[in-house]
Amino acid sequence: YRLRRIEELTGLDLGRSEDRLLLYV
């Protein structure tokens, strides 16, 4: 639930490598 909420708020897809990298950076 929290990870889905993070996706909703950031507009990023945690299943997508580029989005995970952007969030990590």
mmCIF file of all heavy atoms, coordinates in Angstrom:
data_MODEL
# 
_entry.id   MODEL 
# 
loop_
_atom_site.group_PDB 
_atom_site.id 
_atom_site.type_symbol 
_atom_site.label_atom_id 
_atom_site.label_alt_id 
_atom_site.label_comp_id 
_atom_site.label_asym_id 
_atom_site.label_entity_id 
_atom_site.label_seq_id 
_atom_site.pdbx_PDB_ins_code 
_atom_site.Cartn_x 
_atom_site.Cartn_y 
_atom_site.Cartn_z 
_atom_site.occupancy 
_atom_site.B_iso_or_equiv 
_atom_site.pdbx_formal_charge 
_atom_site.auth_seq_id 
_atom_site.auth_comp_id 
_atom_site.auth_asym_id 
_atom_site.auth_atom_id 
_atom_site.pdbx_PDB_model_num 
ATOM 1   N N   . TYR A 1 1  ? 0.841  -1.206 0.000   1.00 0.00 ? 1  TYR A N   1 
ATOM 2   C CA  . TYR A 1 1  ? 0.000  0.000  0.000   1.00 0.00 ? 1  TYR A CA  1 
ATOM 3   C C   . TYR A 1 1  ? 0.874  1.253  0.000   1.00 0.00 ? 1  TYR A C   1 
ATOM 4   O O   . TYR A 1 1  ? 0.638  2.189  -0.777  1.00 0.00 ? 1  TYR A O   1 
ATOM 5   C CB  . TYR A 1 1  ? -0.943 0.005  1.210   1.00 0.00 ? 1  TYR A CB  1 
ATOM 6   C CG  . TYR A 1 1  ? -1.584 1.352  1.404   1.00 0.00 ? 1  TYR A CG  1 
ATOM 7   C CD1 . TYR A 1 1  ? -2.656 1.747  0.605   1.00 0.00 ? 1  TYR A CD1 1 
ATOM 8   C CD2 . TYR A 1 1  ? -1.096 2.250  2.340   1.00 0.00 ? 1  TYR A CD2 1 
ATOM 9   C CE1 . TYR A 1 1  ? -3.233 3.004  0.747   1.00 0.00 ? 1  TYR A CE1 1 
ATOM 10  C CE2 . TYR A 1 1  ? -1.663 3.506  2.494   1.00 0.00 ? 1  TYR A CE2 1 
ATOM 11  C CZ  . TYR A 1 1  ? -2.730 3.873  1.701   1.00 0.00 ? 1  TYR A CZ  1 
ATOM 12  O OH  . TYR A 1 1  ? -3.277 5.122  1.840   1.00 0.00 ? 1  TYR A OH  1 
ATOM 13  N N   . ARG A 1 2  ? 1.890  1.285  0.874   1.00 0.00 ? 2  ARG A N   1 
ATOM 14  C CA  . ARG A 1 2  ? 2.758  2.464  0.953   1.00 0.00 ? 2  ARG A CA  1 
ATOM 15  C C   . ARG A 1 2  ? 3.520  2.694  -0.351  1.00 0.00 ? 2  ARG A C   1 
ATOM 16  O O   . ARG A 1 2  ? 3.663  3.832  -0.798  1.00 0.00 ? 2  ARG A O   1 
ATOM 17  C CB  . ARG A 1 2  ? 3.744  2.320  2.110   1.00 0.00 ? 2  ARG A CB  1 
ATOM 18  C CG  . ARG A 1 2  ? 3.096  2.435  3.464   1.00 0.00 ? 2  ARG A CG  1 
ATOM 19  C CD  . ARG A 1 2  ? 4.145  2.322  4.544   1.00 0.00 ? 2  ARG A CD  1 
ATOM 20  N NE  . ARG A 1 2  ? 3.557  2.225  5.865   1.00 0.00 ? 2  ARG A NE  1 
ATOM 21  C CZ  . ARG A 1 2  ? 4.266  2.036  6.970   1.00 0.00 ? 2  ARG A CZ  1 
ATOM 22  N NH1 . ARG A 1 2  ? 5.593  1.947  6.903   1.00 0.00 ? 2  ARG A NH1 1 
ATOM 23  N NH2 . ARG A 1 2  ? 3.667  1.953  8.135   1.00 0.00 ? 2  ARG A NH2 1 
ATOM 24  N N   . LEU A 1 3  ? 4.004  1.621  -0.974  1.00 0.00 ? 3  LEU A N   1 
ATOM 25  C CA  . LEU A 1 3  ? 4.725  1.769  -2.237  1.00 0.00 ? 3  LEU A CA  1 
ATOM 26  C C   . LEU A 1 3  ? 3.798  2.283  -3.339  1.00 0.00 ? 3  LEU A C   1 
ATOM 27  O O   . LEU A 1 3  ? 4.195  3.124  -4.160  1.00 0.00 ? 3  LEU A O   1 
ATOM 28  C CB  . LEU A 1 3  ? 5.395  0.458  -2.639  1.00 0.00 ? 3  LEU A CB  1 
ATOM 29  C CG  . LEU A 1 3  ? 6.544  -0.008 -1.736  1.00 0.00 ? 3  LEU A CG  1 
ATOM 30  C CD1 . LEU A 1 3  ? 7.035  -1.390 -2.161  1.00 0.00 ? 3  LEU A CD1 1 
ATOM 31  C CD2 . LEU A 1 3  ? 7.687  0.994  -1.732  1.00 0.00 ? 3  LEU A CD2 1 
ATOM 32  N N   . ARG A 1 4  ? 2.556  1.801  -3.352  1.00 0.00 ? 4  ARG A N   1 
ATOM 33  C CA  . ARG A 1 4  ? 1.580  2.317  -4.332  1.00 0.00 ? 4  ARG A CA  1 
ATOM 34  C C   . ARG A 1 4  ? 1.302  3.800  -4.068  1.00 0.00 ? 4  ARG A C   1 
ATOM 35  O O   . ARG A 1 4  ? 1.182  4.590  -4.999  1.00 0.00 ? 4  ARG A O   1 
ATOM 36  C CB  . ARG A 1 4  ? 0.274  1.518  -4.272  1.00 0.00 ? 4  ARG A CB  1 
ATOM 37  C CG  . ARG A 1 4  ? 0.324  0.197  -5.012  1.00 0.00 ? 4  ARG A CG  1 
ATOM 38  C CD  . ARG A 1 4  ? -1.052 -0.433 -5.192  1.00 0.00 ? 4  ARG A CD  1 
ATOM 39  N NE  . ARG A 1 4  ? -1.850 -0.509 -3.980  1.00 0.00 ? 4  ARG A NE  1 
ATOM 40  C CZ  . ARG A 1 4  ? -1.773 -1.492 -3.073  1.00 0.00 ? 4  ARG A CZ  1 
ATOM 41  N NH1 . ARG A 1 4  ? -0.920 -2.485 -3.235  1.00 0.00 ? 4  ARG A NH1 1 
ATOM 42  N NH2 . ARG A 1 4  ? -2.554 -1.491 -2.012  1.00 0.00 ? 4  ARG A NH2 1 
ATOM 43  N N   . ARG A 1 5  ? 1.224  4.157  -2.797  1.00 0.00 ? 5  ARG A N   1 
ATOM 44  C CA  . ARG A 1 5  ? 0.987  5.564  -2.437  1.00 0.00 ? 5  ARG A CA  1 
ATOM 45  C C   . ARG A 1 5  ? 2.166  6.437  -2.886  1.00 0.00 ? 5  ARG A C   1 
ATOM 46  O O   . ARG A 1 5  ? 1.967  7.551  -3.381  1.00 0.00 ? 5  ARG A O   1 
ATOM 47  C CB  . ARG A 1 5  ? 0.770  5.667  -0.923  1.00 0.00 ? 5  ARG A CB  1 
ATOM 48  C CG  . ARG A 1 5  ? 0.315  7.005  -0.474  1.00 0.00 ? 5  ARG A CG  1 
ATOM 49  C CD  . ARG A 1 5  ? -1.145 7.257  -0.867  1.00 0.00 ? 5  ARG A CD  1 
ATOM 50  N NE  . ARG A 1 5  ? -1.501 8.594  -0.417  1.00 0.00 ? 5  ARG A NE  1 
ATOM 51  C CZ  . ARG A 1 5  ? -2.004 9.525  -1.207  1.00 0.00 ? 5  ARG A CZ  1 
ATOM 52  N NH1 . ARG A 1 5  ? -2.254 9.262  -2.474  1.00 0.00 ? 5  ARG A NH1 1 
ATOM 53  N NH2 . ARG A 1 5  ? -2.277 10.720 -0.745  1.00 0.00 ? 5  ARG A NH2 1 
ATOM 54  N N   . ILE A 1 6  ? 3.375  5.941  -2.740  1.00 0.00 ? 6  ILE A N   1 
ATOM 55  C CA  . ILE A 1 6  ? 4.565  6.658  -3.207  1.00 0.00 ? 6  ILE A CA  1 
ATOM 56  C C   . ILE A 1 6  ? 4.480  6.864  -4.719  1.00 0.00 ? 6  ILE A C   1 
ATOM 57  O O   . ILE A 1 6  ? 4.763  7.951  -5.230  1.00 0.00 ? 6  ILE A O   1 
ATOM 58  C CB  . ILE A 1 6  ? 5.855  5.915  -2.801  1.00 0.00 ? 6  ILE A CB  1 
ATOM 59  C CG1 . ILE A 1 6  ? 6.071  6.028  -1.286  1.00 0.00 ? 6  ILE A CG1 1 
ATOM 60  C CG2 . ILE A 1 6  ? 7.065  6.428  -3.575  1.00 0.00 ? 6  ILE A CG2 1 
ATOM 61  C CD1 . ILE A 1 6  ? 7.136  5.088  -0.727  1.00 0.00 ? 6  ILE A CD1 1 
ATOM 62  N N   . GLU A 1 7  ? 4.065  5.835  -5.431  1.00 0.00 ? 7  GLU A N   1 
ATOM 63  C CA  . GLU A 1 7  ? 3.900  5.956  -6.891  1.00 0.00 ? 7  GLU A CA  1 
ATOM 64  C C   . GLU A 1 7  ? 2.860  7.021  -7.238  1.00 0.00 ? 7  GLU A C   1 
ATOM 65  O O   . GLU A 1 7  ? 3.086  7.847  -8.126  1.00 0.00 ? 7  GLU A O   1 
ATOM 66  C CB  . GLU A 1 7  ? 3.476  4.614  -7.490  1.00 0.00 ? 7  GLU A CB  1 
ATOM 67  C CG  . GLU A 1 7  ? 4.573  3.591  -7.542  1.00 0.00 ? 7  GLU A CG  1 
ATOM 68  C CD  . GLU A 1 7  ? 4.121  2.273  -8.153  1.00 0.00 ? 7  GLU A CD  1 
ATOM 69  O OE1 . GLU A 1 7  ? 2.975  1.840  -7.903  1.00 0.00 ? 7  GLU A OE1 1 
ATOM 70  O OE2 . GLU A 1 7  ? 4.918  1.691  -8.901  1.00 0.00 ? 7  GLU A OE2 1 
ATOM 71  N N   . GLU A 1 8  ? 1.734  7.007  -6.535  1.00 0.00 ? 8  GLU A N   1 
ATOM 72  C CA  . GLU A 1 8  ? 0.676  7.980  -6.800  1.00 0.00 ? 8  GLU A CA  1 
ATOM 73  C C   . GLU A 1 8  ? 1.160  9.406  -6.575  1.00 0.00 ? 8  GLU A C   1 
ATOM 74  O O   . GLU A 1 8  ? 0.904  10.294 -7.394  1.00 0.00 ? 8  GLU A O   1 
ATOM 75  C CB  . GLU A 1 8  ? -0.529 7.721  -5.892  1.00 0.00 ? 8  GLU A CB  1 
ATOM 76  C CG  . GLU A 1 8  ? -1.298 6.464  -6.197  1.00 0.00 ? 8  GLU A CG  1 
ATOM 77  C CD  . GLU A 1 8  ? -2.318 6.134  -5.110  1.00 0.00 ? 8  GLU A CD  1 
ATOM 78  O OE1 . GLU A 1 8  ? -2.564 6.981  -4.212  1.00 0.00 ? 8  GLU A OE1 1 
ATOM 79  O OE2 . GLU A 1 8  ? -2.865 5.023  -5.153  1.00 0.00 ? 8  GLU A OE2 1 
ATOM 80  N N   . LEU A 1 9  ? 1.834  9.627  -5.463  1.00 0.00 ? 9  LEU A N   1 
ATOM 81  C CA  . LEU A 1 9  ? 2.251  10.984 -5.098  1.00 0.00 ? 9  LEU A CA  1 
ATOM 82  C C   . LEU A 1 9  ? 3.397  11.506 -5.965  1.00 0.00 ? 9  LEU A C   1 
ATOM 83  O O   . LEU A 1 9  ? 3.454  12.698 -6.253  1.00 0.00 ? 9  LEU A O   1 
ATOM 84  C CB  . LEU A 1 9  ? 2.655  11.035 -3.624  1.00 0.00 ? 9  LEU A CB  1 
ATOM 85  C CG  . LEU A 1 9  ? 1.514  10.837 -2.633  1.00 0.00 ? 9  LEU A CG  1 
ATOM 86  C CD1 . LEU A 1 9  ? 2.056  10.657 -1.227  1.00 0.00 ? 9  LEU A CD1 1 
ATOM 87  C CD2 . LEU A 1 9  ? 0.542  12.018 -2.694  1.00 0.00 ? 9  LEU A CD2 1 
ATOM 88  N N   . THR A 1 10 ? 4.315  10.630 -6.346  1.00 0.00 ? 10 THR A N   1 
ATOM 89  C CA  . THR A 1 10 ? 5.468  11.072 -7.133  1.00 0.00 ? 10 THR A CA  1 
ATOM 90  C C   . THR A 1 10 ? 5.194  11.039 -8.634  1.00 0.00 ? 10 THR A C   1 
ATOM 91  O O   . THR A 1 10 ? 5.922  11.672 -9.403  1.00 0.00 ? 10 THR A O   1 
ATOM 92  C CB  . THR A 1 10 ? 6.708  10.197 -6.853  1.00 0.00 ? 10 THR A CB  1 
ATOM 93  O OG1 . THR A 1 10 ? 6.428  8.844  -7.240  1.00 0.00 ? 10 THR A OG1 1 
ATOM 94  C CG2 . THR A 1 10 ? 7.110  10.266 -5.386  1.00 0.00 ? 10 THR A CG2 1 
ATOM 95  N N   . GLY A 1 11 ? 4.192  10.279 -9.047  1.00 0.00 ? 11 GLY A N   1 
ATOM 96  C CA  . GLY A 1 11 ? 3.928  10.114 -10.468 1.00 0.00 ? 11 GLY A CA  1 
ATOM 97  C C   . GLY A 1 11 ? 4.910  9.180  -11.141 1.00 0.00 ? 11 GLY A C   1 
ATOM 98  O O   . GLY A 1 11 ? 5.022  9.163  -12.366 1.00 0.00 ? 11 GLY A O   1 
ATOM 99  N N   . LEU A 1 12 ? 5.638  8.397  -10.324 1.00 0.00 ? 12 LEU A N   1 
ATOM 100 C CA  . LEU A 1 12 ? 6.645  7.475  -10.858 1.00 0.00 ? 12 LEU A CA  1 
ATOM 101 C C   . LEU A 1 12 ? 6.171  6.038  -10.711 1.00 0.00 ? 12 LEU A C   1 
ATOM 102 O O   . LEU A 1 12 ? 5.424  5.703  -9.802  1.00 0.00 ? 12 LEU A O   1 
ATOM 103 C CB  . LEU A 1 12 ? 7.975  7.671  -10.127 1.00 0.00 ? 12 LEU A CB  1 
ATOM 104 C CG  . LEU A 1 12 ? 8.595  9.062  -10.253 1.00 0.00 ? 12 LEU A CG  1 
ATOM 105 C CD1 . LEU A 1 12 ? 9.807  9.187  -9.348  1.00 0.00 ? 12 LEU A CD1 1 
ATOM 106 C CD2 . LEU A 1 12 ? 8.960  9.360  -11.695 1.00 0.00 ? 12 LEU A CD2 1 
ATOM 107 N N   . ASP A 1 13 ? 6.632  5.180  -11.617 1.00 0.00 ? 13 ASP A N   1 
ATOM 108 C CA  . ASP A 1 13 ? 6.302  3.761  -11.616 1.00 0.00 ? 13 ASP A CA  1 
ATOM 109 C C   . ASP A 1 13 ? 7.504  3.001  -11.067 1.00 0.00 ? 13 ASP A C   1 
ATOM 110 O O   . ASP A 1 13 ? 8.546  2.920  -11.731 1.00 0.00 ? 13 ASP A O   1 
ATOM 111 C CB  . ASP A 1 13 ? 5.980  3.325  -13.049 1.00 0.00 ? 13 ASP A CB  1 
ATOM 112 C CG  . ASP A 1 13 ? 5.691  1.844  -13.184 1.00 0.00 ? 13 ASP A CG  1 
ATOM 113 O OD1 . ASP A 1 13 ? 5.771  1.098  -12.181 1.00 0.00 ? 13 ASP A OD1 1 
ATOM 114 O OD2 . ASP A 1 13 ? 5.389  1.424  -14.321 1.00 0.00 ? 13 ASP A OD2 1 
ATOM 115 N N   . LEU A 1 14 ? 7.376  2.436  -9.863  1.00 0.00 ? 14 LEU A N   1 
ATOM 116 C CA  . LEU A 1 14 ? 8.497  1.738  -9.238  1.00 0.00 ? 14 LEU A CA  1 
ATOM 117 C C   . LEU A 1 14 ? 8.866  0.442  -9.958  1.00 0.00 ? 14 LEU A C   1 
ATOM 118 O O   . LEU A 1 14 ? 9.914  -0.133 -9.689  1.00 0.00 ? 14 LEU A O   1 
ATOM 119 C CB  . LEU A 1 14 ? 8.200  1.459  -7.756  1.00 0.00 ? 14 LEU A CB  1 
ATOM 120 C CG  . LEU A 1 14 ? 8.047  2.712  -6.896  1.00 0.00 ? 14 LEU A CG  1 
ATOM 121 C CD1 . LEU A 1 14 ? 7.717  2.340  -5.452  1.00 0.00 ? 14 LEU A CD1 1 
ATOM 122 C CD2 . LEU A 1 14 ? 9.290  3.574  -6.956  1.00 0.00 ? 14 LEU A CD2 1 
ATOM 123 N N   . GLY A 1 15 ? 8.044  0.010  -10.887 1.00 0.00 ? 15 GLY A N   1 
ATOM 124 C CA  . GLY A 1 15 ? 8.376  -1.147 -11.708 1.00 0.00 ? 15 GLY A CA  1 
ATOM 125 C C   . GLY A 1 15 ? 9.264  -0.787 -12.890 1.00 0.00 ? 15 GLY A C   1 
ATOM 126 O O   . GLY A 1 15 ? 9.786  -1.662 -13.583 1.00 0.00 ? 15 GLY A O   1 
ATOM 127 N N   . ARG A 1 16 ? 9.460  0.488  -13.111 1.00 0.00 ? 16 ARG A N   1 
ATOM 128 C CA  . ARG A 1 16 ? 10.262 0.990  -14.236 1.00 0.00 ? 16 ARG A CA  1 
ATOM 129 C C   . ARG A 1 16 ? 11.641 1.412  -13.724 1.00 0.00 ? 16 ARG A C   1 
ATOM 130 O O   . ARG A 1 16 ? 11.755 2.236  -12.827 1.00 0.00 ? 16 ARG A O   1 
ATOM 131 C CB  . ARG A 1 16 ? 9.526  2.181  -14.853 1.00 0.00 ? 16 ARG A CB  1 
ATOM 132 C CG  . ARG A 1 16 ? 10.060 2.655  -16.147 1.00 0.00 ? 16 ARG A CG  1 
ATOM 133 C CD  . ARG A 1 16 ? 9.116  3.687  -16.778 1.00 0.00 ? 16 ARG A CD  1 
ATOM 134 N NE  . ARG A 1 16 ? 9.845  4.295  -17.869 1.00 0.00 ? 16 ARG A NE  1 
ATOM 135 C CZ  . ARG A 1 16 ? 10.236 5.549  -17.889 1.00 0.00 ? 16 ARG A CZ  1 
ATOM 136 N NH1 . ARG A 1 16 ? 9.918  6.375  -16.910 1.00 0.00 ? 16 ARG A NH1 1 
ATOM 137 N NH2 . ARG A 1 16 ? 10.927 6.015  -18.915 1.00 0.00 ? 16 ARG A NH2 1 
ATOM 138 N N   . SER A 1 17 ? 12.689 0.858  -14.292 1.00 0.00 ? 17 SER A N   1 
ATOM 139 C CA  . SER A 1 17 ? 14.061 1.118  -13.827 1.00 0.00 ? 17 SER A CA  1 
ATOM 140 C C   . SER A 1 17 ? 14.400 2.600  -13.791 1.00 0.00 ? 17 SER A C   1 
ATOM 141 O O   . SER A 1 17 ? 14.978 3.089  -12.820 1.00 0.00 ? 17 SER A O   1 
ATOM 142 C CB  . SER A 1 17 ? 15.080 0.391  -14.709 1.00 0.00 ? 17 SER A CB  1 
ATOM 143 O OG  . SER A 1 17 ? 14.901 -0.989 -14.630 1.00 0.00 ? 17 SER A OG  1 
ATOM 144 N N   . GLU A 1 18 ? 14.070 3.326  -14.844 1.00 0.00 ? 18 GLU A N   1 
ATOM 145 C CA  . GLU A 1 18 ? 14.404 4.745  -14.906 1.00 0.00 ? 18 GLU A CA  1 
ATOM 146 C C   . GLU A 1 18 ? 13.710 5.536  -13.785 1.00 0.00 ? 18 GLU A C   1 
ATOM 147 O O   . GLU A 1 18 ? 14.299 6.420  -13.174 1.00 0.00 ? 18 GLU A O   1 
ATOM 148 C CB  . GLU A 1 18 ? 14.025 5.320  -16.266 1.00 0.00 ? 18 GLU A CB  1 
ATOM 149 C CG  . GLU A 1 18 ? 14.511 6.742  -16.451 1.00 0.00 ? 18 GLU A CG  1 
ATOM 150 C CD  . GLU A 1 18 ? 14.286 7.248  -17.866 1.00 0.00 ? 18 GLU A CD  1 
ATOM 151 O OE1 . GLU A 1 18 ? 14.392 6.447  -18.823 1.00 0.00 ? 18 GLU A OE1 1 
ATOM 152 O OE2 . GLU A 1 18 ? 14.002 8.445  -18.004 1.00 0.00 ? 18 GLU A OE2 1 
ATOM 153 N N   . ASP A 1 19 ? 12.460 5.203  -13.491 1.00 0.00 ? 19 ASP A N   1 
ATOM 154 C CA  . ASP A 1 19 ? 11.737 5.881  -12.414 1.00 0.00 ? 19 ASP A CA  1 
ATOM 155 C C   . ASP A 1 19 ? 12.317 5.542  -11.047 1.00 0.00 ? 19 ASP A C   1 
ATOM 156 O O   . ASP A 1 19 ? 12.427 6.417  -10.180 1.00 0.00 ? 19 ASP A O   1 
ATOM 157 C CB  . ASP A 1 19 ? 10.252 5.525  -12.456 1.00 0.00 ? 19 ASP A CB  1 
ATOM 158 C CG  . ASP A 1 19 ? 9.512  6.212  -13.603 1.00 0.00 ? 19 ASP A CG  1 
ATOM 159 O OD1 . ASP A 1 19 ? 10.138 7.008  -14.340 1.00 0.00 ? 19 ASP A OD1 1 
ATOM 160 O OD2 . ASP A 1 19 ? 8.310  5.946  -13.758 1.00 0.00 ? 19 ASP A OD2 1 
ATOM 161 N N   . ARG A 1 20 ? 12.688 4.283  -10.843 1.00 0.00 ? 20 ARG A N   1 
ATOM 162 C CA  . ARG A 1 20 ? 13.333 3.898  -9.574  1.00 0.00 ? 20 ARG A CA  1 
ATOM 163 C C   . ARG A 1 20 ? 14.642 4.650  -9.401  1.00 0.00 ? 20 ARG A C   1 
ATOM 164 O O   . ARG A 1 20 ? 14.951 5.133  -8.313  1.00 0.00 ? 20 ARG A O   1 
ATOM 165 C CB  . ARG A 1 20 ? 13.595 2.385  -9.517  1.00 0.00 ? 20 ARG A CB  1 
ATOM 166 C CG  . ARG A 1 20 ? 12.388 1.562  -9.190  1.00 0.00 ? 20 ARG A CG  1 
ATOM 167 C CD  . ARG A 1 20 ? 12.729 0.130  -8.823  1.00 0.00 ? 20 ARG A CD  1 
ATOM 168 N NE  . ARG A 1 20 ? 13.711 -0.514 -9.663  1.00 0.00 ? 20 ARG A NE  1 
ATOM 169 C CZ  . ARG A 1 20 ? 13.442 -1.194 -10.782 1.00 0.00 ? 20 ARG A CZ  1 
ATOM 170 N NH1 . ARG A 1 20 ? 12.195 -1.322 -11.195 1.00 0.00 ? 20 ARG A NH1 1 
ATOM 171 N NH2 . ARG A 1 20 ? 14.402 -1.750 -11.475 1.00 0.00 ? 20 ARG A NH2 1 
ATOM 172 N N   . LEU A 1 21 ? 15.414 4.761  -10.480 1.00 0.00 ? 21 LEU A N   1 
ATOM 173 C CA  . LEU A 1 21 ? 16.678 5.480  -10.411 1.00 0.00 ? 21 LEU A CA  1 
ATOM 174 C C   . LEU A 1 21 ? 16.450 6.951  -10.092 1.00 0.00 ? 21 LEU A C   1 
ATOM 175 O O   . LEU A 1 21 ? 17.141 7.531  -9.247  1.00 0.00 ? 21 LEU A O   1 
ATOM 176 C CB  . LEU A 1 21 ? 17.474 5.328  -11.713 1.00 0.00 ? 21 LEU A CB  1 
ATOM 177 C CG  . LEU A 1 21 ? 18.801 6.073  -11.753 1.00 0.00 ? 21 LEU A CG  1 
ATOM 178 C CD1 . LEU A 1 21 ? 19.736 5.589  -10.648 1.00 0.00 ? 21 LEU A CD1 1 
ATOM 179 C CD2 . LEU A 1 21 ? 19.458 5.904  -13.113 1.00 0.00 ? 21 LEU A CD2 1 
ATOM 180 N N   . LEU A 1 22 ? 15.480 7.573  -10.746 1.00 0.00 ? 22 LEU A N   1 
ATOM 181 C CA  . LEU A 1 22 ? 15.171 8.971  -10.468 1.00 0.00 ? 22 LEU A CA  1 
ATOM 182 C C   . LEU A 1 22 ? 14.781 9.157  -9.004  1.00 0.00 ? 22 LEU A C   1 
ATOM 183 O O   . LEU A 1 22 ? 15.240 10.092 -8.338  1.00 0.00 ? 22 LEU A O   1 
ATOM 184 C CB  . LEU A 1 22 ? 14.049 9.467  -11.381 1.00 0.00 ? 22 LEU A CB  1 
ATOM 185 C CG  . LEU A 1 22 ? 13.572 10.900 -11.140 1.00 0.00 ? 22 LEU A CG  1 
ATOM 186 C CD1 . LEU A 1 22 ? 14.720 11.895 -11.248 1.00 0.00 ? 22 LEU A CD1 1 
ATOM 187 C CD2 . LEU A 1 22 ? 12.456 11.244 -12.099 1.00 0.00 ? 22 LEU A CD2 1 
ATOM 188 N N   . LEU A 1 23 ? 13.974 8.274  -8.477  1.00 0.00 ? 23 LEU A N   1 
ATOM 189 C CA  . LEU A 1 23 ? 13.561 8.370  -7.078  1.00 0.00 ? 23 LEU A CA  1 
ATOM 190 C C   . LEU A 1 23 ? 14.745 8.152  -6.141  1.00 0.00 ? 23 LEU A C   1 
ATOM 191 O O   . LEU A 1 23 ? 14.887 8.842  -5.127  1.00 0.00 ? 23 LEU A O   1 
ATOM 192 C CB  . LEU A 1 23 ? 12.445 7.357  -6.796  1.00 0.00 ? 23 LEU A CB  1 
ATOM 193 C CG  . LEU A 1 23 ? 11.621 7.574  -5.551  1.00 0.00 ? 23 LEU A CG  1 
ATOM 194 C CD1 . LEU A 1 23 ? 11.041 8.978  -5.489  1.00 0.00 ? 23 LEU A CD1 1 
ATOM 195 C CD2 . LEU A 1 23 ? 10.506 6.542  -5.492  1.00 0.00 ? 23 LEU A CD2 1 
ATOM 196 N N   . TYR A 1 24 ? 15.624 7.225  -6.491  1.00 0.00 ? 24 TYR A N   1 
ATOM 197 C CA  . TYR A 1 24 ? 16.818 6.968  -5.685  1.00 0.00 ? 24 TYR A CA  1 
ATOM 198 C C   . TYR A 1 24 ? 17.741 8.189  -5.682  1.00 0.00 ? 24 TYR A C   1 
ATOM 199 O O   . TYR A 1 24 ? 18.237 8.608  -4.635  1.00 0.00 ? 24 TYR A O   1 
ATOM 200 C CB  . TYR A 1 24 ? 17.546 5.735  -6.221  1.00 0.00 ? 24 TYR A CB  1 
ATOM 201 C CG  . TYR A 1 24 ? 18.714 5.301  -5.378  1.00 0.00 ? 24 TYR A CG  1 
ATOM 202 C CD1 . TYR A 1 24 ? 18.520 4.845  -4.087  1.00 0.00 ? 24 TYR A CD1 1 
ATOM 203 C CD2 . TYR A 1 24 ? 20.003 5.349  -5.880  1.00 0.00 ? 24 TYR A CD2 1 
ATOM 204 C CE1 . TYR A 1 24 ? 19.594 4.444  -3.297  1.00 0.00 ? 24 TYR A CE1 1 
ATOM 205 C CE2 . TYR A 1 24 ? 21.081 4.948  -5.104  1.00 0.00 ? 24 TYR A CE2 1 
ATOM 206 C CZ  . TYR A 1 24 ? 20.871 4.491  -3.817  1.00 0.00 ? 24 TYR A CZ  1 
ATOM 207 O OH  . TYR A 1 24 ? 21.939 4.103  -3.044  1.00 0.00 ? 24 TYR A OH  1 
ATOM 208 N N   . VAL A 1 25 ? 17.957 8.775  -6.840  1.00 0.00 ? 25 VAL A N   1 
ATOM 209 C CA  . VAL A 1 25 ? 18.794 9.978  -6.931  1.00 0.00 ? 25 VAL A CA  1 
ATOM 210 C C   . VAL A 1 25 ? 18.152 11.114 -6.146  1.00 0.00 ? 25 VAL A C   1 
ATOM 211 O O   . VAL A 1 25 ? 18.829 11.856 -5.436  1.00 0.00 ? 25 VAL A O   1 
ATOM 212 C CB  . VAL A 1 25 ? 19.051 10.371 -8.405  1.00 0.00 ? 25 VAL A CB  1 
ATOM 213 C CG1 . VAL A 1 25 ? 19.649 11.754 -8.527  1.00 0.00 ? 25 VAL A CG1 1 
ATOM 214 C CG2 . VAL A 1 25 ? 19.942 9.333  -9.078  1.00 0.00 ? 25 VAL A CG2 1 
# 
